Amino acid sequence: MMETVRSINDVDFANEHVYKAIIDSYFAKQLVKRNYEHNRAISKHRVDEMAHDMKAGKWRGVASDPIKFDRDGNLLNGQHRLSAIISSGETVEQYIVTGLDAGDYRYMDTGQSRTVGQLLERKIPNTCTAVGKCIYSMTKGAPVRQGLMKGDLAVRRLSTQQLYLDWQNANYDTAIKYGHAGQRMYNALSRFGYPTCYGGIAWIADTIYGEGFSERFEEYIKSGSPGALRLCQTIMRQYMGGTKPTKEKFAGTVLQAVFVFAETGELKPTASYNKYDAAIVRADEKLREVLS
């Protein structure tokens, strides 16, 4: 027979149990304090909707998904329902499941609008998540053009979300490193262009030319040398030319600069960056040589 609990003191979080819980606002406050740090932000709109149904007697808690805790007592799923109980002041019956693995968070409530970043085991900034998609798609064979410009679409075409999440969790440091690199390059280029695209380019550069190359290139861009200023001015003129340039144009321009810097150790103050498509094709060929 299923045990019924009315207090947090009656709940054994460390072991696997299914309880029928009678949850009032005080009990709910104790439970929601255990909210898992990676849960998405609470939506006031969702809480208000649930609280309204609870007050109107329309809420059927035992028919909804159980409230779930890992074996350390962290709340994995159910923060909105508990918040609604607190808001409504009603007492509600809910099933509670305990003793789960912390990693089970990734598989819960996936029909709702959790972002990839929210599904990851560790918090990761949005730019780093986007750069991770770029890198993942290119390691799986997506062309550079598609990986840099449409990483999210490429991931959906090449893989399932779960396979991507497994890769992202295993390559967390890579996504963080190149996400931040893309943001720094974006800042160095007077905040014109796309940080995600620049992060993917930094990864391509290191993959082709070796670890640390992208950092040397970044430092050169920040140096204020005539060649670096020429690149910044080119990017700026592209952006302010009347119509917003495509990601391909930005990516191709920076990739041209990467190739010149790799060959000569500097950029020319009179350089012309007008071979966008050729640079992207060249990057694709070089990357395939390294990864094959």
C-alpha atoms as a PDB file:
ATOM      1  CA  MET A   1       0.000   0.000   0.000  1.00  0.00           C
ATOM      2  CA  MET A   2       1.312   3.465  -0.957  1.00  0.00           C
ATOM      3  CA  GLU A   3       2.397   5.599   1.979  1.00  0.00           C
ATOM      4  CA  THR A   4       0.704   8.962   2.473  1.00  0.00           C
ATOM      5  CA  VAL A   5       2.867  11.846   3.714  1.00  0.00           C
ATOM      6  CA  ARG A   6       1.899  15.263   5.084  1.00  0.00           C
ATOM      7  CA  SER A   7       5.292  16.625   6.166  1.00  0.00           C
ATOM      8  CA  ILE A   8       8.805  16.825   4.779  1.00  0.00           C
ATOM      9  CA  ASN A   9       9.929  14.840   7.814  1.00  0.00           C
ATOM     10  CA  ASP A  10       7.975  11.853   6.464  1.00  0.00           C
ATOM     11  CA  VAL A  11       9.875  11.819   3.126  1.00  0.00           C
ATOM     12  CA  ASP A  12      12.925   9.589   2.564  1.00  0.00           C
ATOM     13  CA  PHE A  13      14.758  11.344  -0.290  1.00  0.00           C
ATOM     14  CA  ALA A  14      17.800   9.029  -0.334  1.00  0.00           C
ATOM     15  CA  ASN A  15      15.893   5.935  -1.463  1.00  0.00           C
ATOM     16  CA  GLU A  16      13.406   5.187  -4.216  1.00  0.00           C
ATOM     17  CA  HIS A  17       9.830   5.733  -3.047  1.00  0.00           C
ATOM     18  CA  VAL A  18       6.502   6.804  -4.478  1.00  0.00           C
ATOM     19  CA  TYR A  19       4.388   8.738  -1.994  1.00  0.00           C
ATOM     20  CA  LYS A  20       0.902  10.152  -2.084  1.00  0.00           C
ATOM     21  CA  ALA A  21       1.463  13.578  -0.554  1.00  0.00           C
ATOM     22  CA  ILE A  22      -1.096  15.902   1.019  1.00  0.00           C
ATOM     23  CA  ILE A  23       0.629  19.230   0.359  1.00  0.00           C
ATOM     24  CA  ASP A  24      -0.432  22.475   1.995  1.00  0.00           C
ATOM     25  CA  SER A  25       1.352  25.789   1.561  1.00  0.00           C
ATOM     26  CA  TYR A  26       3.764  25.154   4.452  1.00  0.00           C
ATOM     27  CA  PHE A  27       4.767  21.715   3.131  1.00  0.00           C
ATOM     28  CA  ALA A  28       5.119  23.208  -0.375  1.00  0.00           C
ATOM     29  CA  LYS A  29       7.462  25.937   0.903  1.00  0.00           C
ATOM     30  CA  GLN A  30       9.698  23.313   2.493  1.00  0.00           C
ATOM     31  CA  LEU A  31       9.806  21.284  -0.716  1.00  0.00           C
ATOM     32  CA  VAL A  32      10.407  24.160  -3.129  1.00  0.00           C
ATOM     33  CA  LYS A  33      13.408  25.295  -1.052  1.00  0.00           C
ATOM     34  CA  ARG A  34      15.091  22.178  -2.406  1.00  0.00           C
ATOM     35  CA  ASN A  35      14.786  23.406  -5.996  1.00  0.00           C
ATOM     36  CA  TYR A  36      17.532  22.063  -8.298  1.00  0.00           C
ATOM     37  CA  GLU A  37      19.925  24.897  -9.231  1.00  0.00           C
ATOM     38  CA  HIS A  38      19.654  24.162 -12.973  1.00  0.00           C
ATOM     39  CA  ASN A  39      15.858  24.314 -13.154  1.00  0.00           C
ATOM     40  CA  ARG A  40      14.525  27.012 -15.470  1.00  0.00           C
ATOM     41  CA  ALA A  41      13.248  30.253 -14.035  1.00  0.00           C
ATOM     42  CA  ILE A  42       9.751  30.029 -12.602  1.00  0.00           C
ATOM     43  CA  SER A  43       7.079  31.379 -14.949  1.00  0.00           C
ATOM     44  CA  LYS A  44       4.629  33.589 -13.050  1.00  0.00           C
ATOM     45  CA  HIS A  45       2.061  33.039 -15.806  1.00  0.00           C
ATOM     46  CA  ARG A  46       2.148  29.257 -15.365  1.00  0.00           C
ATOM     47  CA  VAL A  47       2.000  29.551 -11.579  1.00  0.00           C
ATOM     48  CA  ASP A  48      -1.013  31.902 -11.788  1.00  0.00           C
ATOM     49  CA  GLU A  49      -2.840  29.522 -14.133  1.00  0.00           C
ATOM     50  CA  MET A  50      -2.295  26.550 -11.840  1.00  0.00           C
ATOM     51  CA  ALA A  51      -3.200  28.534  -8.732  1.00  0.00           C
ATOM     52  CA  HIS A  52      -6.432  29.670 -10.406  1.00  0.00           C
ATOM     53  CA  ASP A  53      -7.384  26.045 -11.154  1.00  0.00           C
ATOM     54  CA  MET A  54      -6.552  25.017  -7.586  1.00  0.00           C
ATOM     55  CA  LYS A  55      -8.763  27.740  -6.121  1.00  0.00           C
ATOM     56  CA  ALA A  56     -11.565  26.812  -8.516  1.00  0.00           C
ATOM     57  CA  GLY A  57     -11.367  23.139  -7.534  1.00  0.00           C
ATOM     58  CA  LYS A  58     -10.348  22.139 -11.066  1.00  0.00           C
ATOM     59  CA  TRP A  59      -6.859  20.917 -10.222  1.00  0.00           C
ATOM     60  CA  ARG A  60      -6.359  17.145 -10.275  1.00  0.00           C
ATOM     61  CA  GLY A  61      -2.890  16.792  -8.821  1.00  0.00           C
ATOM     62  CA  VAL A  62      -2.783  13.005  -8.708  1.00  0.00           C
ATOM     63  CA  ALA A  63      -3.482  12.946 -12.461  1.00  0.00           C
ATOM     64  CA  SER A  64      -0.433  15.100 -13.220  1.00  0.00           C
ATOM     65  CA  ASP A  65       3.229  14.148 -13.476  1.00  0.00           C
ATOM     66  CA  PRO A  66       4.720  13.264 -10.052  1.00  0.00           C
ATOM     67  CA  ILE A  67       6.901  15.792  -8.250  1.00  0.00           C
ATOM     68  CA  LYS A  68      10.406  14.340  -8.435  1.00  0.00           C
ATOM     69  CA  PHE A  69      13.509  14.528  -6.215  1.00  0.00           C
ATOM     70  CA  ASP A  70      16.988  13.070  -6.601  1.00  0.00           C
ATOM     71  CA  ARG A  71      18.587  11.035  -3.856  1.00  0.00           C
ATOM     72  CA  ASP A  72      20.208  14.161  -2.434  1.00  0.00           C
ATOM     73  CA  GLY A  73      16.781  15.718  -1.964  1.00  0.00           C
ATOM     74  CA  ASN A  74      17.041  18.183  -4.867  1.00  0.00           C
ATOM     75  CA  LEU A  75      13.748  19.087  -6.538  1.00  0.00           C
ATOM     76  CA  LEU A  76      14.050  17.998 -10.189  1.00  0.00           C
ATOM     77  CA  ASN A  77      10.511  18.563 -11.404  1.00  0.00           C
ATOM     78  CA  GLY A  78       7.458  20.271  -9.906  1.00  0.00           C
ATOM     79  CA  GLN A  79       8.566  23.785  -8.956  1.00  0.00           C
ATOM     80  CA  HIS A  80       5.593  25.410 -10.701  1.00  0.00           C
ATOM     81  CA  ARG A  81       3.034  23.199  -8.981  1.00  0.00           C
ATOM     82  CA  LEU A  82       4.576  23.790  -5.561  1.00  0.00           C
ATOM     83  CA  SER A  83       4.700  27.543  -6.202  1.00  0.00           C
ATOM     84  CA  ALA A  84       1.032  27.450  -7.230  1.00  0.00           C
ATOM     85  CA  ILE A  85       0.096  25.665  -3.995  1.00  0.00           C
ATOM     86  CA  ILE A  86       1.879  28.397  -2.035  1.00  0.00           C
ATOM     87  CA  SER A  87       0.193  31.127  -4.085  1.00  0.00           C
ATOM     88  CA  SER A  88      -3.304  29.653  -3.853  1.00  0.00           C
ATOM     89  CA  GLY A  89      -3.174  28.663  -0.193  1.00  0.00           C
ATOM     90  CA  GLU A  90      -4.942  25.416  -1.138  1.00  0.00           C
ATOM     91  CA  THR A  91      -4.105  21.901   0.010  1.00  0.00           C
ATOM     92  CA  VAL A  92      -3.449  19.565  -2.915  1.00  0.00           C
ATOM     93  CA  GLU A  93      -2.840  15.856  -3.378  1.00  0.00           C
ATOM     94  CA  GLN A  94       0.242  15.054  -5.480  1.00  0.00           C
ATOM     95  CA  TYR A  95       2.393  12.006  -6.036  1.00  0.00           C
ATOM     96  CA  ILE A  96       6.052  12.426  -5.037  1.00  0.00           C
ATOM     97  CA  VAL A  97       8.884  10.272  -6.370  1.00  0.00           C
ATOM     98  CA  THR A  98      12.260  10.221  -4.566  1.00  0.00           C
ATOM     99  CA  GLY A  99      15.680   8.599  -4.914  1.00  0.00           C
ATOM    100  CA  LEU A 100      16.281   9.472  -8.584  1.00  0.00           C
ATOM    101  CA  ASP A 101      19.668  10.150 -10.189  1.00  0.00           C
ATOM    102  CA  ALA A 102      20.530  13.832 -10.630  1.00  0.00           C
ATOM    103  CA  GLY A 103      21.122  13.186 -14.350  1.00  0.00           C
ATOM    104  CA  ASP A 104      17.460  12.216 -14.759  1.00  0.00           C
ATOM    105  CA  TYR A 105      16.742  15.962 -14.833  1.00  0.00           C
ATOM    106  CA  ARG A 106      17.632  15.934 -18.551  1.00  0.00           C
ATOM    107  CA  TYR A 107      14.800  13.534 -19.402  1.00  0.00           C
ATOM    108  CA  MET A 108      12.013  15.246 -17.500  1.00  0.00           C
ATOM    109  CA  ASP A 109       9.219  17.341 -18.883  1.00  0.00           C
ATOM    110  CA  THR A 110      10.833  17.413 -22.342  1.00  0.00           C
ATOM    111  CA  GLY A 111       7.468  18.151 -23.898  1.00  0.00           C
ATOM    112  CA  GLN A 112       7.620  21.573 -22.227  1.00  0.00           C
ATOM    113  CA  SER A 113       9.714  24.484 -23.393  1.00  0.00           C
ATOM    114  CA  ARG A 114      13.062  23.707 -21.779  1.00  0.00           C
ATOM    115  CA  THR A 115      16.008  25.066 -23.754  1.00  0.00           C
ATOM    116  CA  VAL A 116      19.077  22.946 -24.479  1.00  0.00           C
ATOM    117  CA  GLY A 117      21.001  25.018 -21.960  1.00  0.00           C
ATOM    118  CA  GLN A 118      18.428  24.142 -19.283  1.00  0.00           C
ATOM    119  CA  LEU A 119      18.722  20.444 -20.116  1.00  0.00           C
ATOM    120  CA  LEU A 120      22.493  20.372 -19.697  1.00  0.00           C
ATOM    121  CA  GLU A 121      23.876  18.934 -16.465  1.00  0.00           C
ATOM    122  CA  ARG A 122      25.850  22.136 -15.794  1.00  0.00           C
ATOM    123  CA  LYS A 123      24.840  25.719 -16.454  1.00  0.00           C
ATOM    124  CA  ILE A 124      26.193  27.113 -19.694  1.00  0.00           C
ATOM    125  CA  PRO A 125      25.743  30.600 -21.173  1.00  0.00           C
ATOM    126  CA  ASN A 126      23.522  30.861 -24.244  1.00  0.00           C
ATOM    127  CA  THR A 127      26.388  31.886 -26.541  1.00  0.00           C
ATOM    128  CA  CYS A 128      28.409  28.860 -25.419  1.00  0.00           C
ATOM    129  CA  THR A 129      25.441  26.573 -26.070  1.00  0.00           C
ATOM    130  CA  ALA A 130      25.071  28.002 -29.584  1.00  0.00           C
ATOM    131  CA  VAL A 131      28.805  27.650 -30.281  1.00  0.00           C
ATOM    132  CA  GLY A 132      28.634  24.077 -28.995  1.00  0.00           C
ATOM    133  CA  LYS A 133      26.001  23.347 -31.640  1.00  0.00           C
ATOM    134  CA  CYS A 134      28.250  24.823 -34.333  1.00  0.00           C
ATOM    135  CA  ILE A 135      31.189  22.680 -33.244  1.00  0.00           C
ATOM    136  CA  TYR A 136      29.137  19.524 -32.798  1.00  0.00           C
ATOM    137  CA  SER A 137      27.554  19.822 -36.235  1.00  0.00           C
ATOM    138  CA  MET A 138      30.926  20.326 -37.947  1.00  0.00           C
ATOM    139  CA  THR A 139      32.472  17.345 -36.137  1.00  0.00           C
ATOM    140  CA  LYS A 140      29.542  15.296 -37.450  1.00  0.00           C
ATOM    141  CA  GLY A 141      30.195  16.298 -41.045  1.00  0.00           C
ATOM    142  CA  ALA A 142      28.135  19.443 -41.542  1.00  0.00           C
ATOM    143  CA  PRO A 143      29.768  21.865 -44.005  1.00  0.00           C
ATOM    144  CA  VAL A 144      31.415  24.908 -42.429  1.00  0.00           C
ATOM    145  CA  ARG A 145      28.849  27.184 -44.046  1.00  0.00           C
ATOM    146  CA  GLN A 146      25.987  25.291 -42.414  1.00  0.00           C
ATOM    147  CA  GLY A 147      27.745  24.751 -39.097  1.00  0.00           C
ATOM    148  CA  LEU A 148      28.639  28.415 -38.617  1.00  0.00           C
ATOM    149  CA  MET A 149      25.419  29.923 -39.925  1.00  0.00           C
ATOM    150  CA  LYS A 150      22.785  27.369 -38.917  1.00  0.00           C
ATOM    151  CA  GLY A 151      24.233  25.239 -36.144  1.00  0.00           C
ATOM    152  CA  ASP A 152      20.849  24.615 -34.522  1.00  0.00           C
ATOM    153  CA  LEU A 153      19.317  23.389 -37.779  1.00  0.00           C
ATOM    154  CA  ALA A 154      22.380  21.267 -38.516  1.00  0.00           C
ATOM    155  CA  VAL A 155      22.102  19.539 -35.131  1.00  0.00           C
ATOM    156  CA  ARG A 156      18.438  18.683 -35.779  1.00  0.00           C
ATOM    157  CA  ARG A 157      19.320  17.220 -39.164  1.00  0.00           C
ATOM    158  CA  LEU A 158      22.341  15.250 -38.025  1.00  0.00           C
ATOM    159  CA  SER A 159      21.348  13.941 -34.631  1.00  0.00           C
ATOM    160  CA  THR A 160      18.784  13.615 -31.887  1.00  0.00           C
ATOM    161  CA  GLN A 161      18.674  16.146 -29.073  1.00  0.00           C
ATOM    162  CA  GLN A 162      19.753  13.478 -26.598  1.00  0.00           C
ATOM    163  CA  LEU A 163      22.882  12.580 -28.570  1.00  0.00           C
ATOM    164  CA  TYR A 164      23.735  16.264 -28.759  1.00  0.00           C
ATOM    165  CA  LEU A 165      23.167  16.709 -25.013  1.00  0.00           C
ATOM    166  CA  ASP A 166      25.457  13.769 -24.286  1.00  0.00           C
ATOM    167  CA  TRP A 167      28.142  15.319 -26.486  1.00  0.00           C
ATOM    168  CA  GLN A 168      27.683  18.762 -24.945  1.00  0.00           C
ATOM    169  CA  ASN A 169      27.964  17.416 -21.419  1.00  0.00           C
ATOM    170  CA  ALA A 170      31.116  15.477 -22.352  1.00  0.00           C
ATOM    171  CA  ASN A 171      32.588  18.544 -24.114  1.00  0.00           C
ATOM    172  CA  TYR A 172      31.425  21.210 -21.691  1.00  0.00           C
ATOM    173  CA  ASP A 173      34.851  22.867 -21.433  1.00  0.00           C
ATOM    174  CA  THR A 174      35.139  23.131 -25.231  1.00  0.00           C
ATOM    175  CA  ALA A 175      31.773  24.853 -25.549  1.00  0.00           C
ATOM    176  CA  ILE A 176      32.649  27.255 -22.731  1.00  0.00           C
ATOM    177  CA  LYS A 177      36.097  28.015 -24.157  1.00  0.00           C
ATOM    178  CA  TYR A 178      34.971  28.842 -27.674  1.00  0.00           C
ATOM    179  CA  GLY A 179      31.764  30.524 -26.580  1.00  0.00           C
ATOM    180  CA  HIS A 180      33.834  32.994 -24.586  1.00  0.00           C
ATOM    181  CA  ALA A 181      36.354  33.265 -27.440  1.00  0.00           C
ATOM    182  CA  GLY A 182      33.535  34.231 -29.796  1.00  0.00           C
ATOM    183  CA  GLN A 183      32.291  36.895 -27.402  1.00  0.00           C
ATOM    184  CA  ARG A 184      35.793  38.344 -26.991  1.00  0.00           C
ATOM    185  CA  MET A 185      36.344  38.464 -30.761  1.00  0.00           C
ATOM    186  CA  TYR A 186      32.968  40.139 -31.168  1.00  0.00           C
ATOM    187  CA  ASN A 187      34.056  42.797 -28.675  1.00  0.00           C
ATOM    188  CA  ALA A 188      37.456  43.182 -30.377  1.00  0.00           C
ATOM    189  CA  LEU A 189      35.721  43.759 -33.729  1.00  0.00           C
ATOM    190  CA  SER A 190      33.807  46.728 -32.285  1.00  0.00           C
ATOM    191  CA  ARG A 191      30.782  44.523 -31.546  1.00  0.00           C
ATOM    192  CA  PHE A 192      29.913  43.983 -35.184  1.00  0.00           C
ATOM    193  CA  GLY A 193      28.996  40.539 -36.442  1.00  0.00           C
ATOM    194  CA  TYR A 194      27.949  37.409 -34.541  1.00  0.00           C
ATOM    195  CA  PRO A 195      29.638  36.002 -31.383  1.00  0.00           C
ATOM    196  CA  THR A 196      28.405  32.489 -32.195  1.00  0.00           C
ATOM    197  CA  CYS A 197      29.936  32.605 -35.647  1.00  0.00           C
ATOM    198  CA  TYR A 198      33.226  33.950 -34.294  1.00  0.00           C
ATOM    199  CA  GLY A 199      33.354  31.216 -31.640  1.00  0.00           C
ATOM    200  CA  GLY A 200      32.968  28.579 -34.335  1.00  0.00           C
ATOM    201  CA  ILE A 201      35.747  30.227 -36.358  1.00  0.00           C
ATOM    202  CA  ALA A 202      38.052  30.174 -33.304  1.00  0.00           C
ATOM    203  CA  TRP A 203      37.463  26.414 -33.009  1.00  0.00           C
ATOM    204  CA  ILE A 204      38.106  25.917 -36.736  1.00  0.00           C
ATOM    205  CA  ALA A 205      41.355  27.897 -36.477  1.00  0.00           C
ATOM    206  CA  ASP A 206      42.615  25.852 -33.514  1.00  0.00           C
ATOM    207  CA  THR A 207      41.580  22.597 -35.186  1.00  0.00           C
ATOM    208  CA  ILE A 208      43.473  23.462 -38.380  1.00  0.00           C
ATOM    209  CA  TYR A 209      46.491  25.293 -36.979  1.00  0.00           C
ATOM    210  CA  GLY A 210      46.797  23.902 -33.471  1.00  0.00           C
ATOM    211  CA  GLU A 211      45.726  24.762 -29.930  1.00  0.00           C
ATOM    212  CA  GLY A 212      46.355  28.379 -29.041  1.00  0.00           C
ATOM    213  CA  PHE A 213      46.278  29.782 -32.577  1.00  0.00           C
ATOM    214  CA  SER A 214      42.911  31.466 -32.082  1.00  0.00           C
ATOM    215  CA  GLU A 215      44.220  33.182 -28.937  1.00  0.00           C
ATOM    216  CA  ARG A 216      47.210  34.589 -30.849  1.00  0.00           C
ATOM    217  CA  PHE A 217      44.880  35.784 -33.594  1.00  0.00           C
ATOM    218  CA  GLU A 218      42.608  37.377 -31.008  1.00  0.00           C
ATOM    219  CA  GLU A 219      45.512  39.193 -29.366  1.00  0.00           C
ATOM    220  CA  TYR A 220      46.605  40.493 -32.741  1.00  0.00           C
ATOM    221  CA  ILE A 221      43.103  41.858 -33.428  1.00  0.00           C
ATOM    222  CA  LYS A 222      43.223  43.635 -30.063  1.00  0.00           C
ATOM    223  CA  SER A 223      46.708  45.063 -30.732  1.00  0.00           C
ATOM    224  CA  GLY A 224      45.482  48.058 -32.685  1.00  0.00           C
ATOM    225  CA  SER A 225      48.031  47.450 -35.455  1.00  0.00           C
ATOM    226  CA  PRO A 226      47.220  48.895 -38.906  1.00  0.00           C
ATOM    227  CA  GLY A 227      46.327  45.425 -40.213  1.00  0.00           C
ATOM    228  CA  ALA A 228      44.013  44.747 -37.275  1.00  0.00           C
ATOM    229  CA  LEU A 229      42.349  48.136 -37.688  1.00  0.00           C
ATOM    230  CA  ARG A 230      41.831  47.400 -41.378  1.00  0.00           C
ATOM    231  CA  LEU A 231      39.932  44.213 -40.528  1.00  0.00           C
ATOM    232  CA  CYS A 232      37.796  46.050 -37.942  1.00  0.00           C
ATOM    233  CA  GLN A 233      37.023  48.813 -40.443  1.00  0.00           C
ATOM    234  CA  THR A 234      36.069  46.257 -43.078  1.00  0.00           C
ATOM    235  CA  ILE A 235      33.642  44.538 -40.711  1.00  0.00           C
ATOM    236  CA  MET A 236      32.221  47.896 -39.646  1.00  0.00           C
ATOM    237  CA  ARG A 237      31.706  49.056 -43.240  1.00  0.00           C
ATOM    238  CA  GLN A 238      29.958  45.789 -44.073  1.00  0.00           C
ATOM    239  CA  TYR A 239      27.556  46.272 -41.202  1.00  0.00           C
ATOM    240  CA  MET A 240      26.878  49.931 -41.934  1.00  0.00           C
ATOM    241  CA  GLY A 241      26.619  49.590 -45.688  1.00  0.00           C
ATOM    242  CA  GLY A 242      22.877  50.146 -45.854  1.00  0.00           C
ATOM    243  CA  THR A 243      21.650  46.550 -45.731  1.00  0.00           C
ATOM    244  CA  LYS A 244      22.553  44.155 -42.956  1.00  0.00           C
ATOM    245  CA  PRO A 245      25.191  41.744 -44.309  1.00  0.00           C
ATOM    246  CA  THR A 246      24.750  38.005 -44.116  1.00  0.00           C
ATOM    247  CA  LYS A 247      26.546  35.787 -41.645  1.00  0.00           C
ATOM    248  CA  GLU A 248      28.422  34.322 -44.625  1.00  0.00           C
ATOM    249  CA  LYS A 249      29.966  37.722 -45.341  1.00  0.00           C
ATOM    250  CA  PHE A 250      31.171  38.197 -41.778  1.00  0.00           C
ATOM    251  CA  ALA A 251      32.414  34.613 -41.512  1.00  0.00           C
ATOM    252  CA  GLY A 252      34.161  34.716 -44.866  1.00  0.00           C
ATOM    253  CA  THR A 253      35.876  37.995 -44.004  1.00  0.00           C
ATOM    254  CA  VAL A 254      37.247  36.744 -40.683  1.00  0.00           C
ATOM    255  CA  LEU A 255      38.255  33.392 -42.185  1.00  0.00           C
ATOM    256  CA  GLN A 256      40.251  35.246 -44.866  1.00  0.00           C
ATOM    257  CA  ALA A 257      42.046  37.114 -42.087  1.00  0.00           C
ATOM    258  CA  VAL A 258      42.717  33.848 -40.217  1.00  0.00           C
ATOM    259  CA  PHE A 259      44.353  32.285 -43.274  1.00  0.00           C
ATOM    260  CA  VAL A 260      46.526  35.337 -43.964  1.00  0.00           C
ATOM    261  CA  PHE A 261      47.588  35.554 -40.309  1.00  0.00           C
ATOM    262  CA  ALA A 262      48.471  31.844 -40.310  1.00  0.00           C
ATOM    263  CA  GLU A 263      50.673  32.299 -43.384  1.00  0.00           C
ATOM    264  CA  THR A 264      52.338  35.645 -42.592  1.00  0.00           C
ATOM    265  CA  GLY A 265      51.848  36.317 -38.876  1.00  0.00           C
ATOM    266  CA  GLU A 266      50.149  39.639 -39.582  1.00  0.00           C
ATOM    267  CA  LEU A 267      47.412  41.362 -41.563  1.00  0.00           C
ATOM    268  CA  LYS A 268      48.074  43.938 -44.247  1.00  0.00           C
ATOM    269  CA  PRO A 269      46.724  47.468 -43.707  1.00  0.00           C
ATOM    270  CA  THR A 270      45.689  47.502 -47.386  1.00  0.00           C
ATOM    271  CA  ALA A 271      44.063  44.057 -47.417  1.00  0.00           C
ATOM    272  CA  SER A 272      40.892  43.506 -49.403  1.00  0.00           C
ATOM    273  CA  TYR A 273      38.479  40.999 -47.866  1.00  0.00           C
ATOM    274  CA  ASN A 274      36.178  40.289 -50.791  1.00  0.00           C
ATOM    275  CA  LYS A 275      36.558  36.541 -51.329  1.00  0.00           C
ATOM    276  CA  TYR A 276      33.971  35.411 -48.799  1.00  0.00           C
ATOM    277  CA  ASP A 277      32.759  32.241 -50.459  1.00  0.00           C
ATOM    278  CA  ALA A 278      36.272  31.072 -51.362  1.00  0.00           C
ATOM    279  CA  ALA A 279      37.387  31.453 -47.736  1.00  0.00           C
ATOM    280  CA  ILE A 280      34.472  29.372 -46.460  1.00  0.00           C
ATOM    281  CA  VAL A 281      35.167  26.647 -49.037  1.00  0.00           C
ATOM    282  CA  ARG A 282      38.861  26.678 -48.096  1.00  0.00           C
ATOM    283  CA  ALA A 283      37.994  26.345 -44.392  1.00  0.00           C
ATOM    284  CA  ASP A 284      35.735  23.412 -45.203  1.00  0.00           C
ATOM    285  CA  GLU A 285      38.483  21.642 -47.161  1.00  0.00           C
ATOM    286  CA  LYS A 286      41.138  22.202 -44.489  1.00  0.00           C
ATOM    287  CA  LEU A 287      38.809  21.123 -41.673  1.00  0.00           C
ATOM    288  CA  ARG A 288      37.859  17.899 -43.473  1.00  0.00           C
ATOM    289  CA  GLU A 289      41.560  17.107 -44.006  1.00  0.00           C
ATOM    290  CA  VAL A 290      42.207  17.395 -40.282  1.00  0.00           C
ATOM    291  CA  LEU A 291      39.083  15.582 -39.103  1.00  0.00           C
ATOM    292  CA  SER A 292      39.154  12.759 -41.655  1.00  0.00           C
END
